[in-house]
Amino acid sequence: MTPSPRAYKGFTPRQGIYRVLHHRTGRMLLGSSTHLTGILNRIRFQLELGSHPRRALQQDWNADGPAGFTFEVLDELAPLEPAADPAEDLQELLTLWREKLQPGPGDEY
């Protein structure tokens, strides 16, 4: 089996919990990812193109632009063994952050 180019280059993506926060309304997109930088770049790119699948988020972006939002990493998981699957740990961490932030109905995209 050939090692992946990222493994060869010593690349280890950051994994954890992210939030995209709309300042005016306080609404947020809260999620987890095994590649935090990649997911935040993807969300920003989709919003800039006007093609984000969450219509309410896209509408707020269209109204307030990038200055109306904060893209942030809330928590990170320590790198695991290469063969380990972080899905369960990420789900638990996301649940903890939902409990901590306590978003009400309509507070999440």
Protein backbone atom coordinates (compact mmCIF):
# COMPACT_ATOMS: atom_id res chain seq x y z
CA MET A 1 0.00 0.00 0.00
CA THR A 2 1.40 3.39 -1.01
CA PRO A 3 1.32 6.08 1.68
CA SER A 4 -0.84 9.09 0.90
CA PRO A 5 0.92 12.27 -0.29
CA ARG A 6 -0.22 14.08 2.85
CA ALA A 7 1.28 11.41 5.10
CA TYR A 8 4.47 11.60 3.09
CA LYS A 9 4.67 15.35 3.59
CA GLY A 10 3.91 15.04 7.30
CA PHE A 11 0.52 16.74 6.97
CA THR A 12 -1.91 16.08 9.80
CA PRO A 13 -5.20 17.97 9.46
CA ARG A 14 -6.68 19.60 12.54
CA GLN A 15 -9.91 17.91 13.65
CA GLY A 16 -12.53 19.18 16.03
CA ILE A 17 -15.51 21.51 16.43
CA TYR A 18 -16.13 24.68 14.42
CA ARG A 19 -18.67 27.49 14.46
CA VAL A 20 -19.73 30.07 11.91
CA LEU A 21 -21.39 32.85 13.90
CA HIS A 22 -23.61 35.59 12.45
CA HIS A 23 -23.02 38.67 14.60
CA ARG A 24 -26.32 40.48 14.02
CA THR A 25 -28.66 37.58 14.81
CA GLY A 26 -26.45 35.32 16.93
CA ARG A 27 -27.40 32.37 14.70
CA MET A 28 -24.69 29.80 14.16
CA LEU A 29 -23.62 26.87 12.10
CA LEU A 30 -22.05 24.42 14.53
CA GLY A 31 -20.33 21.29 13.32
CA SER A 32 -17.45 18.84 13.53
CA SER A 33 -14.84 17.90 10.98
CA THR A 34 -11.76 15.76 10.54
CA HIS A 35 -10.25 18.68 8.58
CA LEU A 36 -11.16 21.99 10.24
CA THR A 37 -9.25 24.28 7.90
CA GLY A 38 -10.76 22.55 4.89
CA ILE A 39 -14.38 22.72 6.08
CA LEU A 40 -14.15 26.39 7.06
CA ASN A 41 -12.59 27.23 3.68
CA ARG A 42 -15.32 25.23 1.94
CA ILE A 43 -18.13 27.02 3.80
CA ARG A 44 -16.61 30.45 3.08
CA PHE A 45 -16.12 29.55 -0.60
CA GLN A 46 -19.71 28.33 -0.96
CA LEU A 47 -21.00 31.52 0.66
CA GLU A 48 -18.86 33.73 -1.57
CA LEU A 49 -20.19 31.88 -4.64
CA GLY A 50 -23.78 32.17 -3.39
CA SER A 51 -24.19 28.40 -3.40
CA HIS A 52 -24.29 27.35 0.25
CA PRO A 53 -27.00 24.69 0.75
CA ARG A 54 -28.35 26.31 3.93
CA ARG A 55 -30.47 29.06 2.45
CA ALA A 56 -30.91 31.09 5.66
CA LEU A 57 -27.14 31.21 6.15
CA GLN A 58 -26.67 32.26 2.53
CA GLN A 59 -29.29 35.00 2.88
CA ASP A 60 -27.61 36.41 5.99
CA TRP A 61 -24.24 36.31 4.18
CA ASN A 62 -25.73 38.13 1.19
CA ALA A 63 -27.18 40.79 3.51
CA ASP A 64 -24.20 41.36 5.81
CA GLY A 65 -21.17 40.03 3.93
CA PRO A 66 -18.04 38.51 5.43
CA ALA A 67 -17.70 41.24 8.06
CA GLY A 68 -20.95 40.04 9.62
CA PHE A 69 -19.55 36.61 10.46
CA THR A 70 -16.91 34.93 12.56
CA PHE A 71 -15.40 31.61 11.48
CA GLU A 72 -13.86 29.90 14.49
CA VAL A 73 -12.47 26.65 15.82
CA LEU A 74 -14.03 25.97 19.21
CA ASP A 75 -12.19 22.78 20.14
CA GLU A 76 -9.67 20.36 18.70
CA LEU A 77 -9.02 16.67 19.12
CA ALA A 78 -5.47 15.51 19.58
CA PRO A 79 -4.22 13.60 16.53
CA LEU A 80 -5.12 9.93 16.73
CA GLU A 81 -3.41 6.86 15.38
CA PRO A 82 -3.57 6.87 11.57
CA ALA A 83 -5.99 3.94 11.48
CA ALA A 84 -8.25 5.32 14.26
CA ASP A 85 -11.69 6.71 13.36
CA PRO A 86 -12.42 9.96 15.25
CA ALA A 87 -16.14 10.04 14.33
CA GLU A 88 -17.40 8.93 17.72
CA ASP A 89 -15.09 11.31 19.61
CA LEU A 90 -16.10 14.19 17.35
CA GLN A 91 -19.80 13.46 17.90
CA GLU A 92 -19.33 13.44 21.68
CA LEU A 93 -17.39 16.69 21.54
CA LEU A 94 -20.08 18.29 19.38
CA THR A 95 -22.74 17.20 21.88
CA LEU A 96 -20.73 18.78 24.72
CA TRP A 97 -20.46 22.06 22.79
CA ARG A 98 -24.20 22.08 22.06
CA GLU A 99 -24.84 21.64 25.79
CA LYS A 100 -22.38 24.43 26.61
CA LEU A 101 -23.72 26.92 24.04
CA GLN A 102 -27.36 25.86 24.49
CA PRO A 103 -28.65 27.13 21.15
CA GLY A 104 -32.39 27.59 21.25
CA PRO A 105 -34.89 26.92 18.51
CA GLY A 106 -33.94 29.04 15.52
CA ASP A 107 -30.43 29.77 16.83
CA GLU A 108 -28.77 27.30 14.46
CA TYR A 109 -28.70 27.24 10.70
